């Protein structure tokens, strides 16, 4: 797989994870599946993305509740 295909794969994984984020169990299942398909570098990037994504999701949820 060349670099462009890997980047496309990473972006695809992020898109899928965003779409299933309504269900935490499904999100984790898809996240773990994505890690298996990606290179080490992209897996590391996806882990960083997940931390940021979850933080923002929790933060947005908290802000909506406190308004």
N, C-alpha and C. Protein backbone atom coordinates (compact mmCIF):
# COMPACT_ATOMS: atom_id res chain seq x y z
N UNK A 1 0.83 -1.18 0.00
CA UNK A 1 0.00 0.00 0.00
C UNK A 1 0.89 1.25 0.00
N UNK A 2 0.61 2.17 -0.89
CA UNK A 2 1.41 3.39 -0.89
C UNK A 2 0.85 4.40 0.13
N UNK A 3 1.56 5.52 0.30
CA UNK A 3 1.21 6.47 1.34
C UNK A 3 -0.17 7.08 1.13
N UNK A 4 -0.53 7.37 -0.10
CA UNK A 4 -1.84 7.97 -0.38
C UNK A 4 -2.96 7.01 -0.01
N UNK A 5 -2.80 5.73 -0.34
CA UNK A 5 -3.82 4.74 0.01
C UNK A 5 -3.95 4.61 1.52
N UNK A 6 -2.82 4.64 2.24
CA UNK A 6 -2.87 4.53 3.70
C UNK A 6 -3.59 5.73 4.29
N UNK A 7 -3.31 6.92 3.79
CA UNK A 7 -3.97 8.13 4.29
C UNK A 7 -5.47 8.03 4.02
N UNK A 8 -5.82 7.56 2.86
CA UNK A 8 -7.22 7.39 2.52
C UNK A 8 -7.86 6.38 3.48
N UNK A 9 -7.16 5.32 3.79
CA UNK A 9 -7.66 4.30 4.72
C UNK A 9 -7.88 4.91 6.11
N UNK A 10 -6.94 5.73 6.56
CA UNK A 10 -7.07 6.39 7.86
C UNK A 10 -8.29 7.30 7.87
N UNK A 11 -8.46 8.09 6.84
CA UNK A 11 -9.61 8.99 6.76
C UNK A 11 -10.92 8.20 6.71
N UNK A 12 -10.91 7.09 6.00
CA UNK A 12 -12.09 6.22 5.93
C UNK A 12 -12.44 5.70 7.32
N UNK A 13 -11.44 5.26 8.06
CA UNK A 13 -11.66 4.75 9.41
C UNK A 13 -12.25 5.83 10.31
N UNK A 14 -11.74 7.04 10.20
CA UNK A 14 -12.27 8.15 11.00
C UNK A 14 -13.73 8.42 10.66
N UNK A 15 -14.05 8.37 9.39
CA UNK A 15 -15.43 8.60 8.95
C UNK A 15 -16.36 7.55 9.53
N UNK A 16 -15.96 6.29 9.47
CA UNK A 16 -16.77 5.20 10.02
C UNK A 16 -16.96 5.41 11.52
N UNK A 17 -15.88 5.74 12.21
CA UNK A 17 -15.97 5.93 13.66
C UNK A 17 -16.89 7.09 14.02
N UNK A 18 -16.84 8.16 13.26
CA UNK A 18 -17.76 9.27 13.51
C UNK A 18 -19.21 8.84 13.34
N UNK A 19 -19.46 8.01 12.34
CA UNK A 19 -20.84 7.57 12.06
C UNK A 19 -21.38 6.61 13.12
N UNK A 20 -20.51 5.84 13.76
CA UNK A 20 -20.97 4.88 14.77
C UNK A 20 -20.78 5.40 16.19
N UNK A 21 -20.39 6.65 16.34
CA UNK A 21 -20.07 7.19 17.66
C UNK A 21 -21.29 7.30 18.59
N UNK A 22 -22.49 7.11 18.05
CA UNK A 22 -23.69 7.14 18.89
C UNK A 22 -23.75 5.93 19.82
N UNK A 23 -23.00 4.86 19.49
CA UNK A 23 -23.00 3.62 20.27
C UNK A 23 -21.57 3.31 20.73
N UNK A 24 -21.27 3.49 22.03
CA UNK A 24 -19.90 3.30 22.52
C UNK A 24 -19.34 1.89 22.26
N UNK A 25 -20.16 0.88 22.35
CA UNK A 25 -19.69 -0.50 22.13
C UNK A 25 -19.32 -0.71 20.66
N UNK A 26 -20.18 -0.25 19.78
CA UNK A 26 -19.90 -0.36 18.34
C UNK A 26 -18.68 0.48 17.97
N UNK A 27 -18.56 1.66 18.57
CA UNK A 27 -17.41 2.52 18.33
C UNK A 27 -16.11 1.79 18.68
N UNK A 28 -16.06 1.17 19.85
CA UNK A 28 -14.85 0.45 20.27
C UNK A 28 -14.55 -0.73 19.35
N UNK A 29 -15.60 -1.43 18.95
CA UNK A 29 -15.43 -2.57 18.05
C UNK A 29 -14.83 -2.11 16.72
N UNK A 30 -15.37 -1.05 16.16
CA UNK A 30 -14.86 -0.53 14.89
C UNK A 30 -13.47 0.07 15.05
N UNK A 31 -13.22 0.70 16.19
CA UNK A 31 -11.90 1.26 16.45
C UNK A 31 -10.85 0.15 16.47
N UNK A 32 -11.13 -0.91 17.19
CA UNK A 32 -10.18 -2.04 17.27
C UNK A 32 -9.98 -2.70 15.90
N UNK A 33 -11.04 -2.79 15.13
CA UNK A 33 -10.94 -3.35 13.78
C UNK A 33 -10.05 -2.46 12.91
N UNK A 34 -10.21 -1.16 13.05
CA UNK A 34 -9.41 -0.21 12.26
C UNK A 34 -7.93 -0.32 12.60
N UNK A 35 -7.62 -0.49 13.89
CA UNK A 35 -6.22 -0.60 14.29
C UNK A 35 -5.53 -1.78 13.61
N UNK A 36 -6.27 -2.84 13.39
CA UNK A 36 -5.71 -4.05 12.77
C UNK A 36 -5.36 -3.82 11.30
N UNK A 37 -6.08 -2.91 10.66
CA UNK A 37 -5.91 -2.68 9.22
C UNK A 37 -4.85 -1.63 8.90
N UNK A 38 -4.55 -0.78 9.87
CA UNK A 38 -3.68 0.36 9.60
C UNK A 38 -2.22 0.07 9.93
N UNK A 39 -1.36 0.86 9.34
CA UNK A 39 0.07 0.78 9.66
C UNK A 39 0.28 1.28 11.09
N UNK A 40 1.46 1.03 11.62
CA UNK A 40 1.78 1.48 12.99
C UNK A 40 1.61 2.99 13.11
N UNK A 41 2.12 3.72 12.13
CA UNK A 41 2.05 5.18 12.14
C UNK A 41 0.60 5.66 12.12
N UNK A 42 -0.21 5.08 11.24
CA UNK A 42 -1.61 5.48 11.15
C UNK A 42 -2.40 5.04 12.38
N UNK A 43 -2.04 3.89 12.95
CA UNK A 43 -2.69 3.43 14.18
C UNK A 43 -2.44 4.43 15.31
N UNK A 44 -1.21 4.90 15.40
CA UNK A 44 -0.87 5.90 16.41
C UNK A 44 -1.66 7.18 16.20
N UNK A 45 -1.77 7.59 14.96
CA UNK A 45 -2.54 8.79 14.62
C UNK A 45 -4.01 8.59 14.98
N UNK A 46 -4.56 7.41 14.71
CA UNK A 46 -5.96 7.13 15.02
C UNK A 46 -6.19 7.15 16.53
N UNK A 47 -5.24 6.66 17.30
CA UNK A 47 -5.36 6.69 18.77
C UNK A 47 -5.38 8.13 19.27
N UNK A 48 -4.53 8.99 18.70
CA UNK A 48 -4.54 10.42 19.07
C UNK A 48 -5.88 11.05 18.69
N UNK A 49 -6.35 10.73 17.49
CA UNK A 49 -7.63 11.26 17.01
C UNK A 49 -8.76 10.83 17.94
N UNK A 50 -8.74 9.57 18.37
CA UNK A 50 -9.80 9.06 19.26
C UNK A 50 -9.85 9.84 20.57
N UNK A 51 -8.68 10.07 21.18
CA UNK A 51 -8.64 10.82 22.44
C UNK A 51 -9.25 12.21 22.26
N UNK A 52 -8.87 12.88 21.19
CA UNK A 52 -9.39 14.23 20.92
C UNK A 52 -10.89 14.18 20.61
N UNK A 53 -11.30 13.23 19.82
CA UNK A 53 -12.71 13.09 19.42
C UNK A 53 -13.59 12.85 20.65
N UNK A 54 -13.18 11.94 21.52
CA UNK A 54 -13.97 11.63 22.71
C UNK A 54 -13.99 12.83 23.66
N UNK A 55 -12.85 13.47 23.84
CA UNK A 55 -12.80 14.66 24.69
C UNK A 55 -13.78 15.72 24.19
N UNK A 56 -13.75 16.00 22.89
CA UNK A 56 -14.64 17.02 22.33
C UNK A 56 -16.10 16.61 22.44
N UNK A 57 -16.38 15.33 22.26
CA UNK A 57 -17.75 14.84 22.37
C UNK A 57 -18.28 15.00 23.79
N UNK A 58 -17.46 14.67 24.78
CA UNK A 58 -17.84 14.82 26.18
C UNK A 58 -17.99 16.30 26.53
N UNK A 59 -17.04 17.10 26.07
CA UNK A 59 -17.09 18.53 26.34
C UNK A 59 -18.36 19.15 25.75
N UNK A 60 -18.68 18.79 24.51
CA UNK A 60 -19.88 19.34 23.87
C UNK A 60 -21.14 18.88 24.60
N UNK A 61 -21.16 17.65 25.03
CA UNK A 61 -22.30 17.12 25.77
C UNK A 61 -22.47 17.87 27.09
N UNK A 62 -21.38 18.11 27.78
CA UNK A 62 -21.42 18.82 29.05
C UNK A 62 -21.91 20.26 28.84
N UNK A 63 -21.40 20.92 27.81
CA UNK A 63 -21.81 22.30 27.55
C UNK A 63 -23.29 22.41 27.22
N UNK A 64 -23.81 21.44 26.49
CA UNK A 64 -25.25 21.44 26.15
C UNK A 64 -26.09 21.26 27.41
N UNK A 65 -25.65 20.39 28.31
CA UNK A 65 -26.41 20.12 29.53
C UNK A 65 -26.39 21.31 30.48
N UNK A 66 -25.27 22.04 30.53
CA UNK A 66 -25.15 23.15 31.46
C UNK A 66 -25.80 24.44 30.94
N UNK A 67 -26.20 24.46 29.69
CA UNK A 67 -26.81 25.67 29.12
C UNK A 67 -28.26 25.81 29.51
